[in-house]
Amino acid sequence: MQPQIPSSATATYTTIPISGNDVISRSLHNLFSFISQRRPWPEFISPDTFNRPHSLAHAGDRLRKNAVHFRLNYALLVLTCALLSLIGTPLYLLLIAAIFGLWLVLYLFREDPLFLWGHHVGDRAVLVGLVLVSVVAIWFTGVAGNMIMGIGTGLVISAVHGVFRNPDGLFLDENEAMSQGLIRPGSSPSSDRWDHMLRP
């Protein structure tokens, strides 16, 4: 599953060129801000919230709700499983992790134009460069099979969690909370009452 990128990470460039170090620094800031939006891990693994679904339809509904509520946790879980699949080859693990980091910093979470040695590098050039580096690295290291197994394992674990984690008390958005009668239309989501109602 692909994590949803926040609006601040879209290509809304500044008009004043900034140094490459500042571009990377701002990208890292966007990345860490995005990661901080994950749900607390104690909420994710709380043993009191796990039980068996009543039916297949109920399991599907649980999976849908949990996939939305814990989407970033699941993405981190799948990424961790993918990296752990390379634990037997530490050099390749570091290489793939570095390339993934380049994707995050130079493409997904970059919001400023990139200048290298005084020349502007367009988004298309960055994308092509990252794709080429990734393909060459995966072909050279031969880790594609391991990574597919790791990603598959992460997806299976996420699906099992999504089916058996009871989402009662987790509301995906304000509209769903209103449909449950927990807030009135026009209520402020930032109010203490909202925070209290949405807390499991």
N, C-alpha and C. Protein backbone atom coordinates (compact mmCIF):
# COMPACT_ATOMS: atom_id res chain seq x y z
N MET A 1 0.84 -1.16 0.00
CA MET A 1 0.00 0.00 0.00
C MET A 1 0.88 1.22 0.00
N GLN A 2 0.36 2.08 -0.67
CA GLN A 2 1.17 3.27 -0.78
C GLN A 2 0.69 4.32 0.19
N PRO A 3 1.56 4.82 1.00
CA PRO A 3 1.14 5.85 1.92
C PRO A 3 0.70 7.09 1.19
N GLN A 4 -0.31 7.87 1.69
CA GLN A 4 -0.76 9.11 1.10
C GLN A 4 0.19 10.23 1.48
N ILE A 5 0.71 10.98 0.49
CA ILE A 5 1.66 12.04 0.74
C ILE A 5 0.91 13.31 1.10
N PRO A 6 1.32 14.02 2.16
CA PRO A 6 0.62 15.22 2.57
C PRO A 6 0.73 16.31 1.53
N SER A 7 -0.24 17.26 1.54
CA SER A 7 -0.26 18.31 0.54
C SER A 7 1.00 19.14 0.57
N SER A 8 1.66 19.26 1.74
CA SER A 8 2.87 20.05 1.84
C SER A 8 4.02 19.43 1.08
N ALA A 9 3.88 18.14 0.71
CA ALA A 9 4.96 17.45 0.02
C ALA A 9 4.77 17.46 -1.49
N THR A 10 3.70 18.11 -1.99
CA THR A 10 3.53 18.19 -3.42
C THR A 10 4.43 19.26 -3.99
N ALA A 11 4.53 19.29 -5.30
CA ALA A 11 5.52 20.16 -5.93
C ALA A 11 5.03 21.61 -5.98
N THR A 12 4.96 22.28 -4.85
CA THR A 12 4.69 23.70 -4.77
C THR A 12 6.01 24.38 -4.45
N TYR A 13 6.73 24.71 -5.49
CA TYR A 13 8.09 25.18 -5.33
C TYR A 13 8.15 26.62 -4.85
N THR A 14 9.23 26.92 -4.13
CA THR A 14 9.51 28.30 -3.78
C THR A 14 10.07 29.00 -5.01
N THR A 15 9.97 30.31 -5.04
CA THR A 15 10.43 31.06 -6.21
C THR A 15 11.90 31.42 -6.09
N ILE A 16 12.48 31.33 -4.91
CA ILE A 16 13.88 31.69 -4.70
C ILE A 16 14.70 30.41 -4.61
N PRO A 17 15.69 30.24 -5.48
CA PRO A 17 16.52 29.03 -5.40
C PRO A 17 17.23 28.95 -4.05
N ILE A 18 17.29 27.77 -3.48
CA ILE A 18 18.01 27.56 -2.24
C ILE A 18 19.05 26.47 -2.46
N SER A 19 19.99 26.38 -1.55
CA SER A 19 21.10 25.45 -1.71
C SER A 19 20.61 24.01 -1.64
N GLY A 20 21.44 23.10 -2.21
CA GLY A 20 21.10 21.69 -2.17
C GLY A 20 20.95 21.16 -0.76
N ASN A 21 21.79 21.65 0.16
CA ASN A 21 21.70 21.23 1.55
C ASN A 21 20.37 21.65 2.16
N ASP A 22 19.91 22.86 1.82
CA ASP A 22 18.63 23.34 2.35
C ASP A 22 17.46 22.55 1.76
N VAL A 23 17.58 22.19 0.48
CA VAL A 23 16.53 21.37 -0.15
C VAL A 23 16.40 20.04 0.59
N ILE A 24 17.54 19.39 0.86
CA ILE A 24 17.53 18.11 1.55
C ILE A 24 17.01 18.28 2.97
N SER A 25 17.43 19.36 3.64
CA SER A 25 16.98 19.61 5.00
C SER A 25 15.47 19.78 5.06
N ARG A 26 14.91 20.52 4.13
CA ARG A 26 13.46 20.73 4.11
C ARG A 26 12.73 19.43 3.76
N SER A 27 13.31 18.63 2.87
CA SER A 27 12.70 17.34 2.53
C SER A 27 12.68 16.42 3.75
N LEU A 28 13.79 16.40 4.49
CA LEU A 28 13.83 15.58 5.71
C LEU A 28 12.81 16.06 6.72
N HIS A 29 12.65 17.37 6.83
CA HIS A 29 11.64 17.92 7.75
C HIS A 29 10.25 17.44 7.35
N ASN A 30 9.94 17.50 6.04
CA ASN A 30 8.63 17.03 5.56
C ASN A 30 8.45 15.54 5.84
N LEU A 31 9.53 14.77 5.63
CA LEU A 31 9.46 13.33 5.86
C LEU A 31 9.18 13.02 7.32
N PHE A 32 9.92 13.65 8.24
CA PHE A 32 9.72 13.37 9.66
C PHE A 32 8.36 13.86 10.14
N SER A 33 7.88 14.97 9.57
CA SER A 33 6.54 15.45 9.92
C SER A 33 5.49 14.44 9.48
N PHE A 34 5.68 13.85 8.30
CA PHE A 34 4.75 12.86 7.80
C PHE A 34 4.76 11.60 8.66
N ILE A 35 5.96 11.13 9.01
CA ILE A 35 6.07 9.93 9.84
C ILE A 35 5.45 10.15 11.21
N SER A 36 5.55 11.39 11.73
CA SER A 36 4.99 11.67 13.05
C SER A 36 3.47 11.57 13.07
N GLN A 37 2.83 11.51 11.90
CA GLN A 37 1.37 11.39 11.84
C GLN A 37 0.89 9.96 12.02
N ARG A 38 1.82 9.02 12.17
CA ARG A 38 1.39 7.64 12.37
C ARG A 38 0.62 7.52 13.69
N ARG A 39 -0.22 6.49 13.78
CA ARG A 39 -0.95 6.23 15.02
C ARG A 39 0.02 5.67 16.06
N PRO A 40 -0.22 5.94 17.34
CA PRO A 40 0.69 5.41 18.38
C PRO A 40 0.76 3.89 18.31
N TRP A 41 1.96 3.36 18.44
CA TRP A 41 2.13 1.91 18.37
C TRP A 41 1.38 1.17 19.48
N PRO A 42 1.30 1.69 20.71
CA PRO A 42 0.49 0.99 21.72
C PRO A 42 -0.98 0.85 21.29
N GLU A 43 -1.51 1.85 20.57
CA GLU A 43 -2.87 1.75 20.04
C GLU A 43 -2.93 0.69 18.93
N PHE A 44 -1.87 0.59 18.17
CA PHE A 44 -1.81 -0.35 17.05
C PHE A 44 -1.79 -1.80 17.52
N ILE A 45 -1.09 -2.07 18.62
CA ILE A 45 -0.91 -3.46 19.07
C ILE A 45 -1.61 -3.77 20.38
N SER A 46 -2.50 -2.90 20.83
CA SER A 46 -3.19 -3.12 22.11
C SER A 46 -3.89 -4.48 22.11
N PRO A 47 -3.52 -5.39 23.01
CA PRO A 47 -4.08 -6.75 22.97
C PRO A 47 -5.57 -6.78 23.27
N ASP A 48 -6.10 -5.78 23.96
CA ASP A 48 -7.52 -5.78 24.31
C ASP A 48 -8.43 -5.52 23.11
N THR A 49 -7.85 -5.10 21.98
CA THR A 49 -8.67 -4.73 20.83
C THR A 49 -8.76 -5.83 19.77
N PHE A 50 -8.19 -7.00 20.04
CA PHE A 50 -8.19 -8.07 19.05
C PHE A 50 -9.23 -9.13 19.37
N ASN A 51 -10.04 -9.46 18.39
CA ASN A 51 -10.98 -10.57 18.49
C ASN A 51 -11.36 -11.02 17.08
N ARG A 52 -12.07 -12.12 17.00
CA ARG A 52 -12.40 -12.70 15.70
C ARG A 52 -13.62 -12.01 15.11
N PRO A 53 -13.59 -11.70 13.82
CA PRO A 53 -14.77 -11.09 13.18
C PRO A 53 -15.92 -12.08 13.09
N HIS A 54 -17.15 -11.56 13.04
CA HIS A 54 -18.32 -12.41 13.04
C HIS A 54 -18.57 -13.08 11.69
N SER A 55 -18.15 -12.42 10.61
CA SER A 55 -18.42 -12.94 9.28
C SER A 55 -17.37 -12.41 8.31
N LEU A 56 -17.43 -12.90 7.08
CA LEU A 56 -16.49 -12.45 6.07
C LEU A 56 -16.72 -10.98 5.73
N ALA A 57 -17.99 -10.57 5.69
CA ALA A 57 -18.30 -9.16 5.42
C ALA A 57 -17.78 -8.28 6.54
N HIS A 58 -17.94 -8.75 7.77
CA HIS A 58 -17.45 -8.01 8.93
C HIS A 58 -15.94 -7.90 8.88
N ALA A 59 -15.27 -8.96 8.46
CA ALA A 59 -13.80 -8.94 8.34
C ALA A 59 -13.38 -7.92 7.28
N GLY A 60 -14.10 -7.88 6.16
CA GLY A 60 -13.78 -6.91 5.12
C GLY A 60 -13.97 -5.48 5.58
N ASP A 61 -15.03 -5.25 6.37
CA ASP A 61 -15.28 -3.91 6.89
C ASP A 61 -14.19 -3.50 7.88
N ARG A 62 -13.77 -4.44 8.71
CA ARG A 62 -12.68 -4.16 9.65
C ARG A 62 -11.39 -3.81 8.90
N LEU A 63 -11.11 -4.60 7.87
CA LEU A 63 -9.88 -4.38 7.10
C LEU A 63 -9.90 -3.01 6.45
N ARG A 64 -11.04 -2.60 5.92
CA ARG A 64 -11.15 -1.29 5.28
C ARG A 64 -10.91 -0.17 6.29
N LYS A 65 -11.57 -0.25 7.45
CA LYS A 65 -11.44 0.81 8.46
C LYS A 65 -10.02 0.87 9.01
N ASN A 66 -9.46 -0.28 9.32
CA ASN A 66 -8.11 -0.28 9.88
C ASN A 66 -7.08 0.17 8.85
N ALA A 67 -7.31 -0.17 7.56
CA ALA A 67 -6.37 0.24 6.52
C ALA A 67 -6.31 1.76 6.39
N VAL A 68 -7.45 2.41 6.60
CA VAL A 68 -7.46 3.87 6.55
C VAL A 68 -6.87 4.46 7.82
N HIS A 69 -7.27 3.93 8.96
CA HIS A 69 -6.84 4.50 10.25
C HIS A 69 -5.35 4.28 10.50
N PHE A 70 -4.84 3.10 10.13
CA PHE A 70 -3.45 2.75 10.42
C PHE A 70 -2.59 2.69 9.15
N ARG A 71 -2.96 3.42 8.12
CA ARG A 71 -2.28 3.29 6.83
C ARG A 71 -0.78 3.55 6.93
N LEU A 72 -0.39 4.55 7.72
CA LEU A 72 1.03 4.85 7.83
C LEU A 72 1.76 3.78 8.65
N ASN A 73 1.11 3.26 9.68
CA ASN A 73 1.70 2.16 10.45
C ASN A 73 1.92 0.94 9.56
N TYR A 74 0.94 0.64 8.71
CA TYR A 74 1.07 -0.50 7.82
C TYR A 74 2.21 -0.27 6.81
N ALA A 75 2.32 0.95 6.31
CA ALA A 75 3.39 1.25 5.36
C ALA A 75 4.76 1.06 6.01
N LEU A 76 4.90 1.52 7.25
CA LEU A 76 6.16 1.34 7.97
C LEU A 76 6.43 -0.14 8.25
N LEU A 77 5.36 -0.89 8.54
CA LEU A 77 5.51 -2.32 8.79
C LEU A 77 5.99 -3.05 7.54
N VAL A 78 5.38 -2.74 6.39
CA VAL A 78 5.78 -3.37 5.13
C VAL A 78 7.22 -3.00 4.78
N LEU A 79 7.57 -1.73 4.98
CA LEU A 79 8.95 -1.30 4.71
C LEU A 79 9.94 -2.02 5.60
N THR A 80 9.60 -2.17 6.87
CA THR A 80 10.48 -2.87 7.80
C THR A 80 10.68 -4.32 7.38
N CYS A 81 9.59 -4.99 6.98
CA CYS A 81 9.70 -6.38 6.53
C CYS A 81 10.56 -6.48 5.26
N ALA A 82 10.41 -5.51 4.36
CA ALA A 82 11.21 -5.52 3.13
C ALA A 82 12.69 -5.38 3.46
N LEU A 83 13.02 -4.49 4.40
CA LEU A 83 14.43 -4.30 4.76
C LEU A 83 14.96 -5.50 5.55
N LEU A 84 14.12 -6.08 6.40
CA LEU A 84 14.56 -7.25 7.16
C LEU A 84 14.84 -8.44 6.25
N SER A 85 14.18 -8.48 5.09
CA SER A 85 14.43 -9.58 4.17
C SER A 85 15.85 -9.54 3.61
N LEU A 86 16.53 -8.39 3.78
CA LEU A 86 17.91 -8.25 3.30
C LEU A 86 18.91 -8.32 4.44
N ILE A 87 18.47 -8.71 5.63
CA ILE A 87 19.34 -8.68 6.80
C ILE A 87 20.54 -9.62 6.64
N GLY A 88 20.39 -10.66 5.81
CA GLY A 88 21.48 -11.60 5.60
C GLY A 88 22.60 -11.05 4.73
N THR A 89 22.32 -9.94 4.04
CA THR A 89 23.33 -9.29 3.19
C THR A 89 23.41 -7.81 3.59
N PRO A 90 24.15 -7.51 4.67
CA PRO A 90 24.15 -6.14 5.22
C PRO A 90 24.55 -5.07 4.21
N LEU A 91 25.49 -5.38 3.32
CA LEU A 91 25.92 -4.38 2.34
C LEU A 91 24.78 -4.03 1.39
N TYR A 92 24.06 -5.04 0.92
CA TYR A 92 22.92 -4.79 0.05
C TYR A 92 21.79 -4.08 0.80
N LEU A 93 21.63 -4.42 2.07
CA LEU A 93 20.62 -3.75 2.90
C LEU A 93 20.91 -2.26 2.97
N LEU A 94 22.15 -1.90 3.23
CA LEU A 94 22.51 -0.47 3.31
C LEU A 94 22.32 0.21 1.96
N LEU A 95 22.66 -0.48 0.87
CA LEU A 95 22.51 0.10 -0.46
C LEU A 95 21.05 0.36 -0.79
N ILE A 96 20.20 -0.63 -0.57
CA ILE A 96 18.77 -0.47 -0.88
C ILE A 96 18.14 0.58 0.02
N ALA A 97 18.53 0.59 1.31
CA ALA A 97 18.00 1.60 2.23
C ALA A 97 18.41 3.00 1.78
N ALA A 98 19.64 3.14 1.31
CA ALA A 98 20.11 4.45 0.84
C ALA A 98 19.33 4.90 -0.39
N ILE A 99 19.08 3.97 -1.31
CA ILE A 99 18.32 4.32 -2.52
C ILE A 99 16.89 4.70 -2.16
N PHE A 100 16.30 3.95 -1.24
CA PHE A 100 14.94 4.29 -0.80
C PHE A 100 14.92 5.67 -0.14
N GLY A 101 15.97 5.96 0.64
CA GLY A 101 16.07 7.29 1.24
C GLY A 101 16.17 8.38 0.20
N LEU A 102 16.89 8.11 -0.90
CA LEU A 102 16.98 9.10 -1.98
C LEU A 102 15.61 9.36 -2.60
N TRP A 103 14.82 8.30 -2.78
CA TRP A 103 13.46 8.48 -3.30
C TRP A 103 12.65 9.41 -2.39
N LEU A 104 12.75 9.17 -1.09
CA LEU A 104 11.98 9.96 -0.15
C LEU A 104 12.41 11.42 -0.14
N VAL A 105 13.73 11.64 -0.10
CA VAL A 105 14.26 13.00 0.08
C VAL A 105 14.26 13.79 -1.22
N LEU A 106 14.62 13.15 -2.33
CA LEU A 106 14.78 13.88 -3.58
C LEU A 106 13.52 13.93 -4.44
N TYR A 107 12.54 13.06 -4.14
CA TYR A 107 11.35 13.05 -5.00
C TYR A 107 10.04 13.18 -4.23
N LEU A 108 9.77 12.23 -3.34
CA LEU A 108 8.45 12.20 -2.70
C LEU A 108 8.20 13.37 -1.77
N PHE A 109 9.21 13.80 -1.01
CA PHE A 109 8.99 14.83 0.01
C PHE A 109 9.73 16.14 -0.31
N ARG A 110 10.20 16.27 -1.52
CA ARG A 110 10.89 17.51 -1.91
C ARG A 110 9.86 18.53 -2.38
N GLU A 111 9.94 19.75 -1.88
CA GLU A 111 9.01 20.79 -2.28
C GLU A 111 9.73 22.00 -2.90
N ASP A 112 11.02 21.91 -3.08
CA ASP A 112 11.80 23.00 -3.65
C ASP A 112 12.53 22.52 -4.89
N PRO A 113 12.82 23.44 -5.83
CA PRO A 113 13.61 23.04 -7.01
C PRO A 113 15.01 22.62 -6.60
N LEU A 114 15.52 21.62 -7.29
CA LEU A 114 16.84 21.08 -6.96
C LEU A 114 17.89 21.68 -7.89
N PHE A 115 18.93 22.26 -7.30
CA PHE A 115 20.03 22.82 -8.07
C PHE A 115 21.31 22.07 -7.71
N LEU A 116 22.00 21.57 -8.74
CA LEU A 116 23.28 20.90 -8.55
C LEU A 116 24.34 21.60 -9.37
N TRP A 117 25.39 22.04 -8.72
CA TRP A 117 26.49 22.75 -9.38
C TRP A 117 25.98 23.93 -10.21
N GLY A 118 25.00 24.62 -9.64
CA GLY A 118 24.48 25.82 -10.29
C GLY A 118 23.47 25.56 -11.39
N HIS A 119 23.09 24.32 -11.63
CA HIS A 119 22.14 23.98 -12.69
C HIS A 119 20.87 23.40 -12.08
N HIS A 120 19.73 23.85 -12.61
CA HIS A 120 18.46 23.33 -12.14
C HIS A 120 18.22 21.93 -12.69
N VAL A 121 17.84 21.00 -11.80
CA VAL A 121 17.53 19.63 -12.20
C VAL A 121 16.02 19.46 -12.10
N GLY A 122 15.38 19.24 -13.23
CA GLY A 122 13.92 19.12 -13.27
C GLY A 122 13.41 17.84 -12.62
N ASP A 123 12.12 17.83 -12.32
CA ASP A 123 11.50 16.67 -11.68
C ASP A 123 11.62 15.42 -12.55
N ARG A 124 11.47 15.57 -13.87
CA ARG A 124 11.55 14.42 -14.75
C ARG A 124 12.95 13.81 -14.74
N ALA A 125 13.96 14.68 -14.72
CA ALA A 125 15.34 14.19 -14.68
C ALA A 125 15.62 13.46 -13.36
N VAL A 126 15.08 14.02 -12.26
CA VAL A 126 15.26 13.37 -10.96
C VAL A 126 14.59 12.00 -10.96
N LEU A 127 13.37 11.93 -11.50
CA LEU A 127 12.63 10.67 -11.54
C LEU A 127 13.37 9.63 -12.39
N VAL A 128 13.81 10.02 -13.57
CA VAL A 128 14.52 9.10 -14.45
C VAL A 128 15.80 8.61 -13.78
N GLY A 129 16.53 9.53 -13.15
CA GLY A 129 17.76 9.16 -12.47
C GLY A 129 17.52 8.16 -11.35
N LEU A 130 16.48 8.40 -10.56
CA LEU A 130 16.17 7.50 -9.45
C LEU A 130 15.74 6.12 -9.95
N VAL A 131 14.94 6.10 -11.01
CA VAL A 131 14.50 4.82 -11.57
C VAL A 131 15.71 4.04 -12.09
N LEU A 132 16.60 4.70 -12.80
CA LEU A 132 17.79 4.02 -13.33
C LEU A 132 18.67 3.48 -12.21
N VAL A 133 18.90 4.30 -11.19
CA VAL A 133 19.73 3.86 -10.06
C VAL A 133 19.08 2.66 -9.37
N SER A 134 17.76 2.70 -9.20
CA SER A 134 17.05 1.61 -8.52
C SER A 134 17.13 0.33 -9.33
N VAL A 135 16.88 0.42 -10.64
CA VAL A 135 16.91 -0.77 -11.50
C VAL A 135 18.31 -1.39 -11.51
N VAL A 136 19.33 -0.54 -11.67
CA VAL A 136 20.70 -1.05 -11.71
C VAL A 136 21.07 -1.72 -10.38
N ALA A 137 20.68 -1.07 -9.25
CA ALA A 137 21.01 -1.63 -7.94
C ALA A 137 20.32 -2.97 -7.72
N ILE A 138 19.03 -3.06 -8.07
CA ILE A 138 18.30 -4.32 -7.86
C ILE A 138 18.84 -5.41 -8.78
N TRP A 139 19.18 -5.04 -10.03
CA TRP A 139 19.73 -6.03 -10.97
C TRP A 139 21.11 -6.50 -10.50
N PHE A 140 21.93 -5.54 -10.04
CA PHE A 140 23.30 -5.87 -9.63
C PHE A 140 23.32 -6.74 -8.37
N THR A 141 22.46 -6.42 -7.42
CA THR A 141 22.47 -7.13 -6.14
C THR A 141 21.65 -8.41 -6.18
N GLY A 142 20.68 -8.51 -7.10
CA GLY A 142 19.84 -9.70 -7.18
C GLY A 142 18.95 -9.91 -5.97
N VAL A 143 18.47 -8.79 -5.36
CA VAL A 143 17.67 -8.91 -4.14
C VAL A 143 16.17 -8.81 -4.41
N ALA A 144 15.77 -8.79 -5.68
CA ALA A 144 14.35 -8.60 -6.00
C ALA A 144 13.49 -9.69 -5.35
N GLY A 145 13.94 -10.94 -5.43
CA GLY A 145 13.16 -12.03 -4.84
C GLY A 145 13.00 -11.88 -3.34
N ASN A 146 14.09 -11.53 -2.66
CA ASN A 146 14.01 -11.33 -1.21
C ASN A 146 13.07 -10.19 -0.85
N MET A 147 13.16 -9.10 -1.61
CA MET A 147 12.31 -7.94 -1.31
C MET A 147 10.84 -8.25 -1.55
N ILE A 148 10.56 -8.99 -2.60
CA ILE A 148 9.16 -9.38 -2.87
C ILE A 148 8.63 -10.22 -1.72
N MET A 149 9.45 -11.15 -1.22
CA MET A 149 9.02 -11.97 -0.08
C MET A 149 8.81 -11.11 1.16
N GLY A 150 9.71 -10.15 1.39
CA GLY A 150 9.58 -9.27 2.55
C GLY A 150 8.33 -8.42 2.46
N ILE A 151 8.09 -7.84 1.27
CA ILE A 151 6.90 -7.01 1.09
C ILE A 151 5.64 -7.86 1.25
N GLY A 152 5.66 -9.07 0.67
CA GLY A 152 4.51 -9.96 0.81
C GLY A 152 4.23 -10.32 2.26
N THR A 153 5.31 -10.58 3.01
CA THR A 153 5.14 -10.89 4.43
C THR A 153 4.52 -9.71 5.18
N GLY A 154 5.02 -8.50 4.89
CA GLY A 154 4.46 -7.31 5.53
C GLY A 154 3.00 -7.11 5.20
N LEU A 155 2.62 -7.36 3.96
CA LEU A 155 1.22 -7.21 3.55
C LEU A 155 0.33 -8.24 4.25
N VAL A 156 0.83 -9.48 4.38
CA VAL A 156 0.04 -10.51 5.07
C VAL A 156 -0.15 -10.15 6.54
N ILE A 157 0.92 -9.73 7.20
CA ILE A 157 0.82 -9.33 8.61
C ILE A 157 -0.16 -8.18 8.76
N SER A 158 -0.09 -7.20 7.85
CA SER A 158 -0.99 -6.05 7.91
C SER A 158 -2.44 -6.49 7.71
N ALA A 159 -2.67 -7.42 6.76
CA ALA A 159 -4.04 -7.89 6.51
C ALA A 159 -4.59 -8.65 7.72
N VAL A 160 -3.76 -9.49 8.33
CA VAL A 160 -4.20 -10.23 9.52
C VAL A 160 -4.53 -9.26 10.65
N HIS A 161 -3.67 -8.26 10.84
CA HIS A 161 -3.94 -7.25 11.86
C HIS A 161 -5.25 -6.52 11.55
N GLY A 162 -5.43 -6.14 10.29
CA GLY A 162 -6.63 -5.39 9.91
C GLY A 162 -7.91 -6.18 10.12
N VAL A 163 -7.85 -7.49 9.95
CA VAL A 163 -9.05 -8.32 10.12
C VAL A 163 -9.36 -8.57 11.59
N PHE A 164 -8.34 -8.78 12.41
CA PHE A 164 -8.58 -9.16 13.81
C PHE A 164 -8.56 -7.97 14.77
N ARG A 165 -8.11 -6.80 14.33
CA ARG A 165 -8.10 -5.62 15.20
C ARG A 165 -9.49 -5.00 15.15
N ASN A 166 -10.19 -4.98 16.29
CA ASN A 166 -11.54 -4.43 16.36
C ASN A 166 -11.47 -2.91 16.23
N PRO A 167 -12.07 -2.34 15.17
CA PRO A 167 -11.98 -0.90 14.98
C PRO A 167 -13.01 -0.08 15.73
N ASP A 168 -13.80 -0.71 16.61
CA ASP A 168 -14.79 0.05 17.38
C ASP A 168 -14.10 1.17 18.13
N GLY A 169 -14.63 2.36 18.00
CA GLY A 169 -14.03 3.53 18.66
C GLY A 169 -13.06 4.27 17.76
N LEU A 170 -12.74 3.71 16.59
CA LEU A 170 -11.88 4.40 15.63
C LEU A 170 -12.77 5.00 14.55
N PHE A 171 -12.74 6.30 14.40
CA PHE A 171 -13.56 6.94 13.39
C PHE A 171 -12.65 7.57 12.36
N LEU A 172 -12.98 7.33 11.10
CA LEU A 172 -12.07 7.67 10.03
C LEU A 172 -12.09 9.16 9.69
N ASP A 173 -13.22 9.80 9.88
CA ASP A 173 -13.30 11.23 9.56
C ASP A 173 -14.50 11.82 10.27
N GLU A 174 -14.67 13.13 10.11
CA GLU A 174 -15.75 13.83 10.79
C GLU A 174 -17.12 13.37 10.32
N ASN A 175 -17.26 13.05 9.01
CA ASN A 175 -18.55 12.62 8.50
C ASN A 175 -19.01 11.32 9.16
N GLU A 176 -18.06 10.37 9.35
CA GLU A 176 -18.42 9.11 9.97
C GLU A 176 -18.79 9.32 11.43
N ALA A 177 -18.08 10.22 12.12
CA ALA A 177 -18.41 10.51 13.51
C ALA A 177 -19.80 11.12 13.61
N MET A 178 -20.15 12.00 12.65
CA MET A 178 -21.49 12.60 12.66
C MET A 178 -22.55 11.55 12.39
N SER A 179 -22.25 10.59 11.49
CA SER A 179 -23.24 9.55 11.19
C SER A 179 -23.50 8.67 12.40
N GLN A 180 -22.53 8.59 13.32
CA GLN A 180 -22.70 7.82 14.55
C GLN A 180 -23.34 8.66 15.66
N GLY A 181 -23.61 9.94 15.38
CA GLY A 181 -24.24 10.80 16.36
C GLY A 181 -23.32 11.29 17.45
N LEU A 182 -22.02 11.24 17.21
CA LEU A 182 -21.07 11.66 18.24
C LEU A 182 -20.81 13.15 18.23
N ILE A 183 -20.95 13.79 17.07
CA ILE A 183 -20.80 15.24 17.02
C ILE A 183 -21.92 15.82 16.17
N ARG A 184 -22.20 17.10 16.38
CA ARG A 184 -23.22 17.79 15.60
C ARG A 184 -22.56 18.43 14.39
N PRO A 185 -23.28 18.60 13.28
CA PRO A 185 -22.73 19.32 12.14
C PRO A 185 -22.28 20.71 12.56
N GLY A 186 -21.09 21.09 12.10
CA GLY A 186 -20.56 22.40 12.45
C GLY A 186 -19.72 22.41 13.70
N SER A 187 -19.64 21.26 14.40
CA SER A 187 -18.80 21.19 15.59
C SER A 187 -17.34 21.25 15.18
N SER A 188 -16.52 21.82 16.02
CA SER A 188 -15.10 21.93 15.72
C SER A 188 -14.40 20.63 16.03
N PRO A 189 -13.69 20.04 15.05
CA PRO A 189 -12.99 18.79 15.31
C PRO A 189 -11.90 18.93 16.35
N SER A 190 -11.46 20.17 16.60
CA SER A 190 -10.38 20.36 17.55
C SER A 190 -10.87 20.55 18.98
N SER A 191 -12.17 20.47 19.18
CA SER A 191 -12.71 20.70 20.52
C SER A 191 -12.35 19.55 21.44
N ASP A 192 -12.41 19.82 22.73
CA ASP A 192 -12.10 18.78 23.71
C ASP A 192 -13.11 17.64 23.62
N ARG A 193 -14.36 17.97 23.32
CA ARG A 193 -15.39 16.94 23.23
C ARG A 193 -15.07 16.00 22.07
N TRP A 194 -14.65 16.55 20.92
CA TRP A 194 -14.27 15.72 19.78
C TRP A 194 -13.13 14.79 20.13
N ASP A 195 -12.09 15.36 20.76
CA ASP A 195 -10.93 14.55 21.12
C ASP A 195 -11.32 13.43 22.09
N HIS A 196 -12.23 13.74 23.00
CA HIS A 196 -12.64 12.74 23.98
C HIS A 196 -13.43 11.62 23.31
N MET A 197 -14.33 12.02 22.40
CA MET A 197 -15.19 11.02 21.74
C MET A 197 -14.39 10.08 20.85
N LEU A 198 -13.37 10.61 20.17
CA LEU A 198 -12.63 9.79 19.22
C LEU A 198 -11.56 8.97 19.86
N ARG A 199 -11.29 9.21 21.13
CA ARG A 199 -10.25 8.42 21.79
C ARG A 199 -10.82 7.05 22.12
N PRO A 200 -10.15 5.95 21.68
CA PRO A 200 -10.70 4.60 21.93
C PRO A 200 -10.85 4.32 23.41
